[in-house]
Amino acid sequence: ASSIAYGQSGKFSAAIKALERALELDEQLTRARFCLGEILCSVGEMDEAVEVLGILMNQCPEHTPAVALLGQTLLGLAKNEIAAGSYRRAQELLQSARDRLLPFEDSKHVSLAKLRGDIFAAFADFFPFPPEEISQH
């Protein structure tokens, strides 16, 4: 509860510490792990957020908000890599985002459908061939 108050008041460092402490005491706290991932994203710690959200997805594969946040974070990281000219890393991030969404392909969640479209649009914008063929080039 204190971590949420810290986060809402803009005390992100304190919120992160509180959530990490809670997870040390009980690593099964999915809400705490999701909140930690959200806060890490909001402060620009994208790689750490991906790690935290990946753990959450392994614990709770049906956690739709987590898969959406993880996919958005991976897509954002990929766009940053493309801007920096790191195309191979961007490709890996986009494929990871796409793979994380595969189990939700028939999902009725509009946000996941839009995210899937955004990922494929990024592939189309930055790579001149289908995603399945990228690893061959």
N, C-alpha and C. Protein backbone atom coordinates (compact mmCIF):
# COMPACT_ATOMS: atom_id res chain seq x y z
N ALA A 1 0.82 -1.19 0.00
CA ALA A 1 0.00 0.00 0.00
C ALA A 1 0.87 1.26 0.00
N SER A 2 1.96 1.23 0.74
CA SER A 2 2.83 2.41 0.78
C SER A 2 3.47 2.66 -0.58
N SER A 3 3.76 1.59 -1.32
CA SER A 3 4.38 1.77 -2.64
C SER A 3 3.44 2.49 -3.60
N ILE A 4 2.15 2.22 -3.50
CA ILE A 4 1.18 2.90 -4.36
C ILE A 4 1.10 4.38 -3.99
N ALA A 5 1.10 4.67 -2.69
CA ALA A 5 1.08 6.06 -2.24
C ALA A 5 2.32 6.80 -2.72
N TYR A 6 3.48 6.15 -2.61
CA TYR A 6 4.71 6.77 -3.09
C TYR A 6 4.62 7.07 -4.58
N GLY A 7 4.18 6.07 -5.33
CA GLY A 7 4.07 6.23 -6.79
C GLY A 7 3.10 7.33 -7.17
N GLN A 8 1.95 7.40 -6.49
CA GLN A 8 0.96 8.42 -6.80
C GLN A 8 1.44 9.82 -6.44
N SER A 9 2.33 9.91 -5.45
CA SER A 9 2.84 11.23 -5.05
C SER A 9 4.12 11.60 -5.80
N GLY A 10 4.51 10.75 -6.75
CA GLY A 10 5.70 11.06 -7.56
C GLY A 10 7.01 10.64 -6.92
N LYS A 11 6.95 9.93 -5.83
CA LYS A 11 8.17 9.45 -5.15
C LYS A 11 8.52 8.07 -5.70
N PHE A 12 8.99 8.08 -6.95
CA PHE A 12 9.20 6.82 -7.65
C PHE A 12 10.31 5.97 -7.05
N SER A 13 11.38 6.58 -6.61
CA SER A 13 12.47 5.81 -6.01
C SER A 13 11.99 5.07 -4.77
N ALA A 14 11.21 5.75 -3.94
CA ALA A 14 10.68 5.12 -2.74
C ALA A 14 9.70 4.01 -3.10
N ALA A 15 8.87 4.25 -4.13
CA ALA A 15 7.91 3.23 -4.57
C ALA A 15 8.64 2.00 -5.08
N ILE A 16 9.69 2.22 -5.87
CA ILE A 16 10.47 1.09 -6.41
C ILE A 16 11.08 0.28 -5.27
N LYS A 17 11.67 0.98 -4.30
CA LYS A 17 12.28 0.28 -3.15
C LYS A 17 11.24 -0.50 -2.36
N ALA A 18 10.07 0.09 -2.14
CA ALA A 18 9.02 -0.59 -1.39
C ALA A 18 8.52 -1.83 -2.13
N LEU A 19 8.35 -1.71 -3.43
CA LEU A 19 7.89 -2.85 -4.23
C LEU A 19 8.95 -3.96 -4.29
N GLU A 20 10.20 -3.56 -4.45
CA GLU A 20 11.27 -4.56 -4.46
C GLU A 20 11.35 -5.28 -3.12
N ARG A 21 11.16 -4.55 -2.04
CA ARG A 21 11.18 -5.16 -0.69
C ARG A 21 10.01 -6.13 -0.54
N ALA A 22 8.84 -5.72 -1.00
CA ALA A 22 7.68 -6.60 -0.93
C ALA A 22 7.92 -7.89 -1.71
N LEU A 23 8.56 -7.76 -2.87
CA LEU A 23 8.83 -8.95 -3.69
C LEU A 23 9.92 -9.82 -3.08
N GLU A 24 10.84 -9.23 -2.33
CA GLU A 24 11.82 -10.03 -1.60
C GLU A 24 11.12 -10.91 -0.56
N LEU A 25 10.09 -10.35 0.08
CA LEU A 25 9.36 -11.07 1.11
C LEU A 25 8.42 -12.12 0.52
N ASP A 26 7.84 -11.80 -0.62
CA ASP A 26 6.92 -12.73 -1.28
C ASP A 26 6.98 -12.50 -2.78
N GLU A 27 7.74 -13.32 -3.49
CA GLU A 27 7.91 -13.11 -4.93
C GLU A 27 6.68 -13.46 -5.75
N GLN A 28 5.63 -13.97 -5.13
CA GLN A 28 4.40 -14.31 -5.84
C GLN A 28 3.40 -13.16 -5.91
N LEU A 29 3.76 -12.00 -5.39
CA LEU A 29 2.85 -10.85 -5.40
C LEU A 29 2.77 -10.25 -6.81
N THR A 30 1.82 -10.74 -7.57
CA THR A 30 1.73 -10.32 -8.97
C THR A 30 1.37 -8.83 -9.10
N ARG A 31 0.52 -8.34 -8.23
CA ARG A 31 0.15 -6.91 -8.29
C ARG A 31 1.38 -6.04 -8.04
N ALA A 32 2.18 -6.42 -7.05
CA ALA A 32 3.40 -5.64 -6.75
C ALA A 32 4.36 -5.68 -7.94
N ARG A 33 4.50 -6.84 -8.57
CA ARG A 33 5.41 -6.96 -9.71
C ARG A 33 4.91 -6.12 -10.89
N PHE A 34 3.60 -6.13 -11.12
CA PHE A 34 3.04 -5.33 -12.20
C PHE A 34 3.26 -3.84 -11.92
N CYS A 35 2.98 -3.40 -10.70
CA CYS A 35 3.18 -1.99 -10.34
C CYS A 35 4.65 -1.60 -10.50
N LEU A 36 5.54 -2.48 -10.12
CA LEU A 36 6.97 -2.21 -10.28
C LEU A 36 7.30 -2.03 -11.76
N GLY A 37 6.77 -2.90 -12.61
CA GLY A 37 6.98 -2.77 -14.05
C GLY A 37 6.45 -1.46 -14.59
N GLU A 38 5.26 -1.06 -14.14
CA GLU A 38 4.68 0.22 -14.57
C GLU A 38 5.56 1.40 -14.18
N ILE A 39 6.01 1.39 -12.93
CA ILE A 39 6.82 2.50 -12.44
C ILE A 39 8.16 2.55 -13.16
N LEU A 40 8.78 1.38 -13.36
CA LEU A 40 10.05 1.35 -14.08
C LEU A 40 9.89 1.91 -15.49
N CYS A 41 8.79 1.59 -16.14
CA CYS A 41 8.52 2.15 -17.47
C CYS A 41 8.38 3.66 -17.39
N SER A 42 7.64 4.12 -16.39
CA SER A 42 7.38 5.56 -16.31
C SER A 42 8.63 6.39 -16.01
N VAL A 43 9.63 5.76 -15.38
CA VAL A 43 10.87 6.50 -15.11
C VAL A 43 11.95 6.20 -16.15
N GLY A 44 11.59 5.46 -17.20
CA GLY A 44 12.51 5.23 -18.31
C GLY A 44 13.46 4.06 -18.13
N GLU A 45 13.23 3.24 -17.14
CA GLU A 45 14.07 2.05 -16.91
C GLU A 45 13.47 0.86 -17.67
N MET A 46 13.50 0.98 -19.00
CA MET A 46 12.79 0.02 -19.85
C MET A 46 13.36 -1.40 -19.77
N ASP A 47 14.69 -1.53 -19.76
CA ASP A 47 15.28 -2.87 -19.70
C ASP A 47 14.90 -3.57 -18.39
N GLU A 48 14.93 -2.83 -17.29
CA GLU A 48 14.53 -3.40 -16.01
C GLU A 48 13.05 -3.76 -16.02
N ALA A 49 12.24 -2.90 -16.63
CA ALA A 49 10.80 -3.17 -16.72
C ALA A 49 10.54 -4.46 -17.51
N VAL A 50 11.27 -4.65 -18.59
CA VAL A 50 11.12 -5.87 -19.40
C VAL A 50 11.45 -7.11 -18.55
N GLU A 51 12.50 -7.01 -17.77
CA GLU A 51 12.89 -8.13 -16.91
C GLU A 51 11.79 -8.43 -15.89
N VAL A 52 11.30 -7.40 -15.21
CA VAL A 52 10.27 -7.56 -14.19
C VAL A 52 8.98 -8.12 -14.80
N LEU A 53 8.57 -7.57 -15.93
CA LEU A 53 7.35 -8.02 -16.58
C LEU A 53 7.50 -9.42 -17.17
N GLY A 54 8.70 -9.76 -17.62
CA GLY A 54 8.95 -11.13 -18.10
C GLY A 54 8.77 -12.15 -16.99
N ILE A 55 9.27 -11.82 -15.80
CA ILE A 55 9.08 -12.70 -14.64
C ILE A 55 7.59 -12.85 -14.35
N LEU A 56 6.87 -11.73 -14.39
CA LEU A 56 5.43 -11.77 -14.14
C LEU A 56 4.72 -12.65 -15.16
N MET A 57 5.11 -12.53 -16.43
CA MET A 57 4.48 -13.34 -17.47
C MET A 57 4.77 -14.82 -17.28
N ASN A 58 5.94 -15.15 -16.75
CA ASN A 58 6.25 -16.55 -16.46
C ASN A 58 5.41 -17.05 -15.29
N GLN A 59 5.14 -16.18 -14.32
CA GLN A 59 4.33 -16.55 -13.17
C GLN A 59 2.85 -16.65 -13.52
N CYS A 60 2.41 -15.72 -14.34
CA CYS A 60 0.98 -15.57 -14.61
C CYS A 60 0.77 -15.24 -16.10
N PRO A 61 0.87 -16.25 -16.97
CA PRO A 61 0.83 -16.00 -18.42
C PRO A 61 -0.45 -15.34 -18.93
N GLU A 62 -1.53 -15.41 -18.19
CA GLU A 62 -2.80 -14.83 -18.63
C GLU A 62 -3.01 -13.40 -18.15
N HIS A 63 -2.00 -12.79 -17.58
CA HIS A 63 -2.10 -11.43 -17.03
C HIS A 63 -2.10 -10.44 -18.20
N THR A 64 -3.29 -10.13 -18.72
CA THR A 64 -3.43 -9.31 -19.91
C THR A 64 -2.80 -7.92 -19.78
N PRO A 65 -3.00 -7.20 -18.68
CA PRO A 65 -2.34 -5.89 -18.58
C PRO A 65 -0.81 -6.01 -18.63
N ALA A 66 -0.27 -7.07 -18.06
CA ALA A 66 1.18 -7.26 -18.08
C ALA A 66 1.68 -7.54 -19.49
N VAL A 67 0.96 -8.37 -20.24
CA VAL A 67 1.40 -8.66 -21.61
C VAL A 67 1.31 -7.41 -22.47
N ALA A 68 0.29 -6.60 -22.24
CA ALA A 68 0.16 -5.35 -23.00
C ALA A 68 1.30 -4.40 -22.67
N LEU A 69 1.61 -4.24 -21.39
CA LEU A 69 2.69 -3.34 -20.99
C LEU A 69 4.04 -3.86 -21.47
N LEU A 70 4.24 -5.17 -21.38
CA LEU A 70 5.50 -5.76 -21.85
C LEU A 70 5.64 -5.55 -23.36
N GLY A 71 4.58 -5.79 -24.11
CA GLY A 71 4.63 -5.59 -25.56
C GLY A 71 4.90 -4.14 -25.92
N GLN A 72 4.23 -3.21 -25.24
CA GLN A 72 4.46 -1.79 -25.51
C GLN A 72 5.89 -1.38 -25.18
N THR A 73 6.42 -1.93 -24.09
CA THR A 73 7.78 -1.60 -23.67
C THR A 73 8.79 -2.14 -24.68
N LEU A 74 8.60 -3.37 -25.12
CA LEU A 74 9.49 -3.96 -26.12
C LEU A 74 9.42 -3.19 -27.43
N LEU A 75 8.21 -2.77 -27.82
CA LEU A 75 8.05 -1.99 -29.05
C LEU A 75 8.78 -0.65 -28.92
N GLY A 76 8.65 -0.01 -27.78
CA GLY A 76 9.34 1.26 -27.55
C GLY A 76 10.85 1.10 -27.60
N LEU A 77 11.34 0.05 -26.97
CA LEU A 77 12.79 -0.23 -27.01
C LEU A 77 13.25 -0.48 -28.44
N ALA A 78 12.45 -1.22 -29.21
CA ALA A 78 12.81 -1.51 -30.61
C ALA A 78 12.89 -0.22 -31.42
N LYS A 79 11.94 0.67 -31.22
CA LYS A 79 11.97 1.94 -31.96
C LYS A 79 13.20 2.76 -31.58
N ASN A 80 13.59 2.72 -30.30
CA ASN A 80 14.81 3.41 -29.88
C ASN A 80 16.04 2.80 -30.55
N GLU A 81 16.08 1.48 -30.67
CA GLU A 81 17.21 0.80 -31.30
C GLU A 81 17.27 1.13 -32.80
N ILE A 82 16.11 1.21 -33.43
CA ILE A 82 16.07 1.56 -34.85
C ILE A 82 16.62 2.97 -35.04
N ALA A 83 16.19 3.89 -34.17
CA ALA A 83 16.68 5.27 -34.26
C ALA A 83 18.19 5.35 -34.07
N ALA A 84 18.73 4.42 -33.27
CA ALA A 84 20.17 4.41 -33.02
C ALA A 84 20.93 3.60 -34.07
N GLY A 85 20.20 2.98 -35.00
CA GLY A 85 20.84 2.20 -36.05
C GLY A 85 21.16 0.77 -35.66
N SER A 86 20.64 0.31 -34.53
CA SER A 86 20.89 -1.06 -34.06
C SER A 86 19.77 -1.97 -34.54
N TYR A 87 19.80 -2.29 -35.83
CA TYR A 87 18.69 -3.01 -36.45
C TYR A 87 18.56 -4.45 -35.96
N ARG A 88 19.65 -5.12 -35.73
CA ARG A 88 19.58 -6.51 -35.25
C ARG A 88 18.90 -6.57 -33.89
N ARG A 89 19.28 -5.66 -32.98
CA ARG A 89 18.66 -5.60 -31.64
C ARG A 89 17.19 -5.24 -31.76
N ALA A 90 16.87 -4.31 -32.65
CA ALA A 90 15.47 -3.92 -32.87
C ALA A 90 14.66 -5.12 -33.35
N GLN A 91 15.23 -5.88 -34.25
CA GLN A 91 14.57 -7.08 -34.77
C GLN A 91 14.29 -8.05 -33.63
N GLU A 92 15.27 -8.27 -32.77
CA GLU A 92 15.09 -9.19 -31.64
C GLU A 92 13.98 -8.72 -30.71
N LEU A 93 13.95 -7.42 -30.44
CA LEU A 93 12.92 -6.87 -29.55
C LEU A 93 11.53 -6.99 -30.16
N LEU A 94 11.41 -6.70 -31.46
CA LEU A 94 10.11 -6.83 -32.12
C LEU A 94 9.65 -8.28 -32.16
N GLN A 95 10.56 -9.19 -32.42
CA GLN A 95 10.19 -10.60 -32.42
C GLN A 95 9.77 -11.06 -31.03
N SER A 96 10.47 -10.58 -30.01
CA SER A 96 10.09 -10.92 -28.65
C SER A 96 8.70 -10.40 -28.32
N ALA A 97 8.42 -9.16 -28.72
CA ALA A 97 7.09 -8.59 -28.49
C ALA A 97 6.02 -9.41 -29.21
N ARG A 98 6.30 -9.74 -30.46
CA ARG A 98 5.35 -10.54 -31.24
C ARG A 98 5.13 -11.91 -30.60
N ASP A 99 6.20 -12.55 -30.16
CA ASP A 99 6.10 -13.87 -29.54
C ASP A 99 5.30 -13.83 -28.24
N ARG A 100 5.48 -12.77 -27.46
CA ARG A 100 4.73 -12.63 -26.21
C ARG A 100 3.23 -12.49 -26.46
N LEU A 101 2.88 -11.93 -27.61
CA LEU A 101 1.46 -11.73 -27.92
C LEU A 101 0.81 -12.92 -28.63
N LEU A 102 1.61 -13.85 -29.13
CA LEU A 102 1.05 -14.99 -29.87
C LEU A 102 -0.04 -15.75 -29.10
N PRO A 103 0.16 -16.03 -27.80
CA PRO A 103 -0.90 -16.76 -27.09
C PRO A 103 -2.21 -15.98 -27.00
N PHE A 104 -2.17 -14.69 -27.26
CA PHE A 104 -3.35 -13.84 -27.16
C PHE A 104 -3.91 -13.48 -28.53
N GLU A 105 -3.52 -14.22 -29.55
CA GLU A 105 -3.89 -13.88 -30.92
C GLU A 105 -5.40 -13.79 -31.14
N ASP A 106 -6.14 -14.63 -30.44
CA ASP A 106 -7.60 -14.63 -30.59
C ASP A 106 -8.28 -13.84 -29.48
N SER A 107 -7.52 -13.08 -28.74
CA SER A 107 -8.05 -12.30 -27.62
C SER A 107 -9.04 -11.25 -28.11
N LYS A 108 -10.03 -10.99 -27.30
CA LYS A 108 -11.02 -9.96 -27.60
C LYS A 108 -10.58 -8.59 -27.10
N HIS A 109 -9.41 -8.51 -26.46
CA HIS A 109 -8.92 -7.24 -25.92
C HIS A 109 -8.44 -6.35 -27.07
N VAL A 110 -9.09 -5.24 -27.23
CA VAL A 110 -8.78 -4.30 -28.31
C VAL A 110 -7.35 -3.79 -28.18
N SER A 111 -6.91 -3.53 -26.95
CA SER A 111 -5.56 -3.00 -26.75
C SER A 111 -4.50 -3.98 -27.25
N LEU A 112 -4.74 -5.28 -27.08
CA LEU A 112 -3.77 -6.27 -27.57
C LEU A 112 -3.81 -6.36 -29.09
N ALA A 113 -4.98 -6.24 -29.67
CA ALA A 113 -5.08 -6.27 -31.13
C ALA A 113 -4.37 -5.06 -31.73
N LYS A 114 -4.56 -3.89 -31.13
CA LYS A 114 -3.88 -2.68 -31.61
C LYS A 114 -2.37 -2.82 -31.46
N LEU A 115 -1.93 -3.33 -30.33
CA LEU A 115 -0.50 -3.52 -30.09
C LEU A 115 0.09 -4.48 -31.11
N ARG A 116 -0.61 -5.56 -31.40
CA ARG A 116 -0.15 -6.51 -32.42
C ARG A 116 0.01 -5.80 -33.76
N GLY A 117 -0.96 -4.97 -34.10
CA GLY A 117 -0.88 -4.20 -35.34
C GLY A 117 0.30 -3.23 -35.33
N ASP A 118 0.54 -2.59 -34.19
CA ASP A 118 1.67 -1.65 -34.08
C ASP A 118 3.00 -2.38 -34.26
N ILE A 119 3.09 -3.57 -33.72
CA ILE A 119 4.33 -4.35 -33.86
C ILE A 119 4.56 -4.72 -35.32
N PHE A 120 3.52 -5.19 -36.00
CA PHE A 120 3.68 -5.55 -37.41
C PHE A 120 3.93 -4.32 -38.27
N ALA A 121 3.35 -3.18 -37.88
CA ALA A 121 3.62 -1.94 -38.61
C ALA A 121 5.08 -1.54 -38.46
N ALA A 122 5.64 -1.74 -37.26
CA ALA A 122 7.06 -1.43 -37.06
C ALA A 122 7.93 -2.33 -37.92
N PHE A 123 7.58 -3.61 -38.00
CA PHE A 123 8.30 -4.51 -38.89
C PHE A 123 8.24 -3.99 -40.32
N ALA A 124 7.05 -3.64 -40.76
CA ALA A 124 6.86 -3.19 -42.14
C ALA A 124 7.59 -1.88 -42.43
N ASP A 125 7.61 -0.98 -41.46
CA ASP A 125 8.26 0.31 -41.64
C ASP A 125 9.78 0.20 -41.74
N PHE A 126 10.35 -0.71 -40.96
CA PHE A 126 11.79 -0.71 -40.83
C PHE A 126 12.50 -1.90 -41.47
N PHE A 127 11.74 -2.90 -41.85
CA PHE A 127 12.35 -4.08 -42.47
C PHE A 127 11.54 -4.41 -43.72
N PRO A 128 12.19 -4.51 -44.87
CA PRO A 128 11.46 -4.63 -46.13
C PRO A 128 10.94 -6.02 -46.46
N PHE A 129 10.89 -6.91 -45.49
CA PHE A 129 10.41 -8.27 -45.77
C PHE A 129 9.64 -8.77 -44.56
N PRO A 130 8.84 -9.83 -44.72
CA PRO A 130 7.99 -10.34 -43.64
C PRO A 130 8.81 -10.72 -42.40
N PRO A 131 8.20 -10.58 -41.20
CA PRO A 131 8.90 -10.90 -39.94
C PRO A 131 9.49 -12.30 -39.91
N GLU A 132 8.81 -13.26 -40.55
CA GLU A 132 9.30 -14.63 -40.53
C GLU A 132 10.63 -14.77 -41.26
N GLU A 133 10.90 -13.86 -42.21
CA GLU A 133 12.12 -13.94 -43.00
C GLU A 133 13.25 -13.09 -42.46
N ILE A 134 12.99 -12.26 -41.47
CA ILE A 134 14.01 -11.34 -40.98
C ILE A 134 15.27 -12.05 -40.51
N SER A 135 15.09 -13.14 -39.77
CA SER A 135 16.25 -13.83 -39.21
C SER A 135 17.13 -14.44 -40.31
N GLN A 136 16.58 -14.58 -41.52
CA GLN A 136 17.35 -15.14 -42.62
C GLN A 136 18.22 -14.09 -43.30
N HIS A 137 17.98 -12.80 -43.01
CA HIS A 137 18.69 -11.71 -43.68
C HIS A 137 19.67 -11.05 -42.75
